Amino acid sequence: MKGHHIHARDGEVGHVQGFLVDDDYLWSVRYLIVNTSNWWLGHQVLVSPERIKDVSWAESTVNIDLERQAIKDAPVFEEGALVDRDTELSLYNHYGRSGYWQNNQERAVA
């Protein structure tokens, strides 16, 4: 998926620059690093794979369930920056979702 174009609900926002992987939890892909240089001043943002609606391998696109404005307003991700729980909480609050760590706790209790 690296290099695939990212399409929000209302248009293209960039491309997949890379991934952040959680090596403490079964090597789970926690975030796509989205480079917006094709559209918005060339910064990078993080998007959870939970926001992926579908992937077209033939067209090299990833469709996400977000508006372009949400990506534009997202916190900027700096390459090599520490992504701790506070950073994740800020990111998930920005997108209006509960964090994956909360979902895992809810499943464990249910």
N, C-alpha and C. Protein backbone atom coordinates (compact mmCIF):
# COMPACT_ATOMS: atom_id res chain seq x y z
N MET A 1 0.80 -1.20 0.00
CA MET A 1 0.00 0.00 0.00
C MET A 1 0.85 1.27 0.00
N LYS A 2 2.11 1.14 0.31
CA LYS A 2 2.96 2.33 0.31
C LYS A 2 2.93 2.95 -1.08
N GLY A 3 2.67 4.25 -1.13
CA GLY A 3 2.57 4.96 -2.39
C GLY A 3 1.14 5.07 -2.91
N HIS A 4 0.21 4.27 -2.39
CA HIS A 4 -1.19 4.34 -2.82
C HIS A 4 -1.76 5.73 -2.51
N HIS A 5 -2.61 6.22 -3.39
CA HIS A 5 -3.28 7.50 -3.19
C HIS A 5 -4.39 7.34 -2.17
N ILE A 6 -4.51 8.33 -1.30
CA ILE A 6 -5.55 8.32 -0.27
C ILE A 6 -6.70 9.21 -0.72
N HIS A 7 -7.91 8.62 -0.73
CA HIS A 7 -9.11 9.37 -1.09
C HIS A 7 -10.02 9.46 0.13
N ALA A 8 -10.32 10.70 0.54
CA ALA A 8 -11.31 10.93 1.58
C ALA A 8 -12.69 10.87 0.93
N ARG A 9 -13.73 11.05 1.72
CA ARG A 9 -15.09 11.01 1.17
C ARG A 9 -15.30 12.08 0.11
N ASP A 10 -14.57 13.20 0.21
CA ASP A 10 -14.80 14.32 -0.70
C ASP A 10 -13.59 14.67 -1.56
N GLY A 11 -12.68 13.72 -1.77
CA GLY A 11 -11.58 13.97 -2.69
C GLY A 11 -10.24 13.43 -2.19
N GLU A 12 -9.25 13.53 -3.06
CA GLU A 12 -7.91 13.02 -2.74
C GLU A 12 -7.22 13.91 -1.71
N VAL A 13 -6.44 13.27 -0.82
CA VAL A 13 -5.74 14.03 0.21
C VAL A 13 -4.24 13.78 0.24
N GLY A 14 -3.76 12.81 -0.49
CA GLY A 14 -2.33 12.52 -0.46
C GLY A 14 -2.05 11.07 -0.80
N HIS A 15 -0.95 10.57 -0.21
CA HIS A 15 -0.58 9.18 -0.47
C HIS A 15 0.01 8.55 0.78
N VAL A 16 0.03 7.22 0.80
CA VAL A 16 0.59 6.48 1.93
C VAL A 16 2.10 6.61 1.88
N GLN A 17 2.65 7.27 2.89
CA GLN A 17 4.09 7.46 3.00
C GLN A 17 4.74 6.27 3.72
N GLY A 18 4.00 5.70 4.68
CA GLY A 18 4.54 4.59 5.45
C GLY A 18 3.53 4.15 6.49
N PHE A 19 4.03 3.43 7.49
CA PHE A 19 3.17 2.85 8.52
C PHE A 19 3.85 2.95 9.87
N LEU A 20 3.05 3.01 10.93
CA LEU A 20 3.55 2.84 12.29
C LEU A 20 3.01 1.51 12.79
N VAL A 21 3.91 0.66 13.23
CA VAL A 21 3.57 -0.70 13.64
C VAL A 21 3.82 -0.85 15.13
N ASP A 22 2.91 -1.50 15.83
CA ASP A 22 3.02 -1.77 17.25
C ASP A 22 3.69 -3.14 17.42
N ASP A 23 4.98 -3.12 17.73
CA ASP A 23 5.71 -4.38 17.86
C ASP A 23 5.47 -5.05 19.22
N ASP A 24 4.76 -4.36 20.13
CA ASP A 24 4.41 -4.97 21.41
C ASP A 24 3.10 -5.74 21.34
N TYR A 25 2.33 -5.52 20.27
CA TYR A 25 1.03 -6.15 20.17
C TYR A 25 0.86 -6.79 18.80
N LEU A 26 1.47 -7.94 18.63
CA LEU A 26 1.31 -8.77 17.44
C LEU A 26 1.62 -8.04 16.13
N TRP A 27 2.54 -7.07 16.18
CA TRP A 27 2.98 -6.35 14.98
C TRP A 27 1.79 -5.73 14.24
N SER A 28 0.87 -5.17 14.99
CA SER A 28 -0.32 -4.54 14.41
C SER A 28 0.04 -3.21 13.76
N VAL A 29 -0.54 -2.95 12.59
CA VAL A 29 -0.39 -1.64 11.96
C VAL A 29 -1.34 -0.70 12.70
N ARG A 30 -0.78 0.27 13.40
CA ARG A 30 -1.60 1.20 14.17
C ARG A 30 -2.01 2.42 13.35
N TYR A 31 -1.11 2.88 12.45
CA TYR A 31 -1.40 4.09 11.69
C TYR A 31 -0.80 4.03 10.30
N LEU A 32 -1.51 4.64 9.36
CA LEU A 32 -0.94 4.96 8.06
C LEU A 32 -0.33 6.35 8.20
N ILE A 33 0.86 6.53 7.69
CA ILE A 33 1.44 7.87 7.61
C ILE A 33 1.03 8.41 6.25
N VAL A 34 0.21 9.46 6.26
CA VAL A 34 -0.32 10.04 5.03
C VAL A 34 0.43 11.33 4.72
N ASN A 35 1.06 11.37 3.56
CA ASN A 35 1.76 12.55 3.08
C ASN A 35 0.78 13.35 2.22
N THR A 36 0.53 14.60 2.62
CA THR A 36 -0.46 15.43 1.92
C THR A 36 0.17 16.37 0.90
N SER A 37 1.40 16.14 0.52
CA SER A 37 2.12 17.08 -0.35
C SER A 37 1.44 17.31 -1.70
N ASN A 38 0.65 16.36 -2.16
CA ASN A 38 -0.07 16.54 -3.43
C ASN A 38 -1.24 17.51 -3.28
N TRP A 39 -1.61 17.82 -2.03
CA TRP A 39 -2.82 18.59 -1.80
C TRP A 39 -2.64 19.72 -0.80
N TRP A 40 -2.09 19.45 0.39
CA TRP A 40 -2.08 20.46 1.44
C TRP A 40 -0.68 20.68 2.01
N LEU A 41 0.06 21.57 1.47
CA LEU A 41 1.33 22.06 2.00
C LEU A 41 2.33 21.01 2.46
N GLY A 42 2.16 19.80 2.03
CA GLY A 42 3.17 18.78 2.25
C GLY A 42 3.48 18.39 3.67
N HIS A 43 2.48 18.27 4.51
CA HIS A 43 2.77 17.71 5.82
C HIS A 43 2.26 16.29 5.91
N GLN A 44 2.65 15.61 6.98
CA GLN A 44 2.24 14.23 7.19
C GLN A 44 1.29 14.16 8.38
N VAL A 45 0.29 13.30 8.27
CA VAL A 45 -0.65 13.07 9.35
C VAL A 45 -0.82 11.57 9.54
N LEU A 46 -1.34 11.20 10.68
CA LEU A 46 -1.60 9.78 10.97
C LEU A 46 -3.09 9.49 10.81
N VAL A 47 -3.38 8.35 10.22
CA VAL A 47 -4.76 7.90 10.06
C VAL A 47 -4.80 6.43 10.49
N SER A 48 -5.75 6.12 11.35
CA SER A 48 -5.91 4.75 11.81
C SER A 48 -6.42 3.87 10.68
N PRO A 49 -5.93 2.63 10.57
CA PRO A 49 -6.45 1.72 9.56
C PRO A 49 -7.94 1.42 9.75
N GLU A 50 -8.48 1.69 10.93
CA GLU A 50 -9.91 1.50 11.17
C GLU A 50 -10.74 2.43 10.29
N ARG A 51 -10.13 3.49 9.77
CA ARG A 51 -10.84 4.45 8.93
C ARG A 51 -10.84 4.06 7.45
N ILE A 52 -10.16 2.97 7.10
CA ILE A 52 -10.13 2.51 5.71
C ILE A 52 -11.47 1.86 5.36
N LYS A 53 -12.07 2.36 4.26
CA LYS A 53 -13.31 1.76 3.76
C LYS A 53 -12.99 0.64 2.79
N ASP A 54 -12.05 0.89 1.87
CA ASP A 54 -11.64 -0.14 0.94
C ASP A 54 -10.32 0.24 0.28
N VAL A 55 -9.69 -0.76 -0.32
CA VAL A 55 -8.42 -0.60 -1.02
C VAL A 55 -8.59 -1.14 -2.43
N SER A 56 -8.15 -0.36 -3.40
CA SER A 56 -8.15 -0.83 -4.78
C SER A 56 -6.70 -1.08 -5.19
N TRP A 57 -6.33 -2.34 -5.28
CA TRP A 57 -4.97 -2.68 -5.68
C TRP A 57 -4.76 -2.31 -7.14
N ALA A 58 -5.77 -2.48 -7.97
CA ALA A 58 -5.65 -2.17 -9.40
C ALA A 58 -5.45 -0.68 -9.65
N GLU A 59 -6.13 0.16 -8.85
CA GLU A 59 -6.03 1.60 -9.03
C GLU A 59 -5.05 2.26 -8.08
N SER A 60 -4.44 1.47 -7.19
CA SER A 60 -3.49 1.99 -6.19
C SER A 60 -4.10 3.09 -5.35
N THR A 61 -5.31 2.84 -4.83
CA THR A 61 -5.98 3.83 -3.99
C THR A 61 -6.46 3.20 -2.69
N VAL A 62 -6.53 4.05 -1.67
CA VAL A 62 -7.09 3.69 -0.37
C VAL A 62 -8.19 4.70 -0.08
N ASN A 63 -9.40 4.23 0.11
CA ASN A 63 -10.53 5.10 0.43
C ASN A 63 -10.75 5.08 1.93
N ILE A 64 -10.80 6.28 2.52
CA ILE A 64 -10.97 6.39 3.97
C ILE A 64 -12.27 7.10 4.29
N ASP A 65 -12.79 6.80 5.47
CA ASP A 65 -14.06 7.35 5.93
C ASP A 65 -13.82 8.64 6.73
N LEU A 66 -13.24 9.63 6.05
CA LEU A 66 -12.98 10.95 6.65
C LEU A 66 -13.20 12.01 5.58
N GLU A 67 -13.47 13.22 6.02
CA GLU A 67 -13.55 14.37 5.12
C GLU A 67 -12.15 14.97 4.96
N ARG A 68 -11.93 15.66 3.86
CA ARG A 68 -10.64 16.32 3.62
C ARG A 68 -10.30 17.30 4.74
N GLN A 69 -11.29 18.01 5.24
CA GLN A 69 -11.05 19.00 6.29
C GLN A 69 -10.48 18.35 7.55
N ALA A 70 -10.94 17.15 7.87
CA ALA A 70 -10.43 16.44 9.05
C ALA A 70 -8.94 16.14 8.88
N ILE A 71 -8.52 15.79 7.66
CA ILE A 71 -7.11 15.54 7.39
C ILE A 71 -6.33 16.84 7.46
N LYS A 72 -6.88 17.89 6.87
CA LYS A 72 -6.23 19.20 6.87
C LYS A 72 -6.01 19.72 8.29
N ASP A 73 -6.97 19.49 9.18
CA ASP A 73 -6.91 19.96 10.56
C ASP A 73 -6.21 19.00 11.52
N ALA A 74 -5.82 17.83 11.03
CA ALA A 74 -5.21 16.81 11.90
C ALA A 74 -3.85 17.28 12.41
N PRO A 75 -3.46 16.78 13.58
CA PRO A 75 -2.13 17.11 14.09
C PRO A 75 -1.05 16.63 13.11
N VAL A 76 -0.05 17.46 12.90
CA VAL A 76 1.05 17.11 12.01
C VAL A 76 1.91 16.03 12.66
N PHE A 77 2.29 15.04 11.89
CA PHE A 77 3.19 13.99 12.35
C PHE A 77 4.59 14.28 11.84
N GLU A 78 5.53 14.35 12.75
CA GLU A 78 6.94 14.55 12.40
C GLU A 78 7.64 13.20 12.40
N GLU A 79 8.32 12.90 11.31
CA GLU A 79 9.05 11.62 11.18
C GLU A 79 9.95 11.41 12.39
N GLY A 80 9.84 10.25 13.01
CA GLY A 80 10.67 9.91 14.16
C GLY A 80 10.11 10.39 15.48
N ALA A 81 8.98 11.08 15.47
CA ALA A 81 8.39 11.58 16.71
C ALA A 81 7.83 10.42 17.53
N LEU A 82 7.90 10.56 18.84
CA LEU A 82 7.35 9.57 19.75
C LEU A 82 5.82 9.64 19.70
N VAL A 83 5.19 8.51 19.50
CA VAL A 83 3.73 8.44 19.52
C VAL A 83 3.34 7.71 20.80
N ASP A 84 3.07 8.52 21.83
CA ASP A 84 2.69 7.95 23.12
C ASP A 84 1.16 8.01 23.26
N ARG A 85 0.66 7.56 24.39
CA ARG A 85 -0.79 7.49 24.59
C ARG A 85 -1.43 8.88 24.52
N ASP A 86 -0.76 9.93 25.03
CA ASP A 86 -1.32 11.28 24.95
C ASP A 86 -1.46 11.73 23.49
N THR A 87 -0.47 11.41 22.67
CA THR A 87 -0.53 11.74 21.25
C THR A 87 -1.68 11.00 20.60
N GLU A 88 -1.81 9.70 20.92
CA GLU A 88 -2.90 8.91 20.35
C GLU A 88 -4.26 9.43 20.79
N LEU A 89 -4.38 9.78 22.06
CA LEU A 89 -5.65 10.30 22.57
C LEU A 89 -6.03 11.58 21.86
N SER A 90 -5.07 12.46 21.65
CA SER A 90 -5.32 13.70 20.92
C SER A 90 -5.77 13.41 19.49
N LEU A 91 -5.11 12.46 18.86
CA LEU A 91 -5.45 12.09 17.49
C LEU A 91 -6.86 11.50 17.40
N TYR A 92 -7.18 10.55 18.26
CA TYR A 92 -8.50 9.94 18.24
C TYR A 92 -9.59 10.93 18.60
N ASN A 93 -9.30 11.86 19.53
CA ASN A 93 -10.27 12.91 19.85
C ASN A 93 -10.51 13.80 18.64
N HIS A 94 -9.44 14.12 17.93
CA HIS A 94 -9.58 14.95 16.73
C HIS A 94 -10.53 14.30 15.72
N TYR A 95 -10.38 13.00 15.51
CA TYR A 95 -11.21 12.30 14.55
C TYR A 95 -12.57 11.87 15.13
N GLY A 96 -12.79 12.15 16.43
CA GLY A 96 -14.08 11.85 17.04
C GLY A 96 -14.34 10.37 17.24
N ARG A 97 -13.32 9.62 17.57
CA ARG A 97 -13.44 8.17 17.76
C ARG A 97 -12.80 7.77 19.08
N SER A 98 -13.22 6.62 19.59
CA SER A 98 -12.54 6.06 20.76
C SER A 98 -11.31 5.29 20.27
N GLY A 99 -10.31 5.24 21.12
CA GLY A 99 -9.05 4.60 20.75
C GLY A 99 -9.14 3.09 20.70
N TYR A 100 -8.25 2.49 19.91
CA TYR A 100 -8.21 1.03 19.79
C TYR A 100 -7.98 0.38 21.15
N TRP A 101 -7.23 1.03 22.06
CA TRP A 101 -6.96 0.47 23.38
C TRP A 101 -8.24 0.44 24.20
N GLN A 102 -9.16 1.38 23.99
CA GLN A 102 -10.45 1.37 24.68
C GLN A 102 -11.34 0.28 24.10
N ASN A 103 -11.30 0.09 22.79
CA ASN A 103 -12.08 -0.97 22.16
C ASN A 103 -11.63 -2.34 22.65
N ASN A 104 -10.32 -2.53 22.82
CA ASN A 104 -9.80 -3.82 23.30
C ASN A 104 -10.26 -4.06 24.73
N GLN A 105 -10.28 -3.03 25.57
CA GLN A 105 -10.74 -3.18 26.95
C GLN A 105 -12.21 -3.52 26.98
N GLU A 106 -13.00 -2.85 26.12
CA GLU A 106 -14.43 -3.12 26.08
C GLU A 106 -14.70 -4.56 25.67
N ARG A 107 -13.94 -5.09 24.72
CA ARG A 107 -14.13 -6.47 24.29
C ARG A 107 -13.76 -7.45 25.40
N ALA A 108 -12.71 -7.11 26.17
CA ALA A 108 -12.25 -7.99 27.23
C ALA A 108 -13.31 -8.07 28.35
N VAL A 109 -14.01 -6.97 28.59
CA VAL A 109 -15.02 -6.93 29.65
C VAL A 109 -16.29 -7.62 29.21
N ALA A 110 -16.64 -7.51 27.95
CA ALA A 110 -17.92 -8.05 27.45
C ALA A 110 -18.00 -9.54 27.50
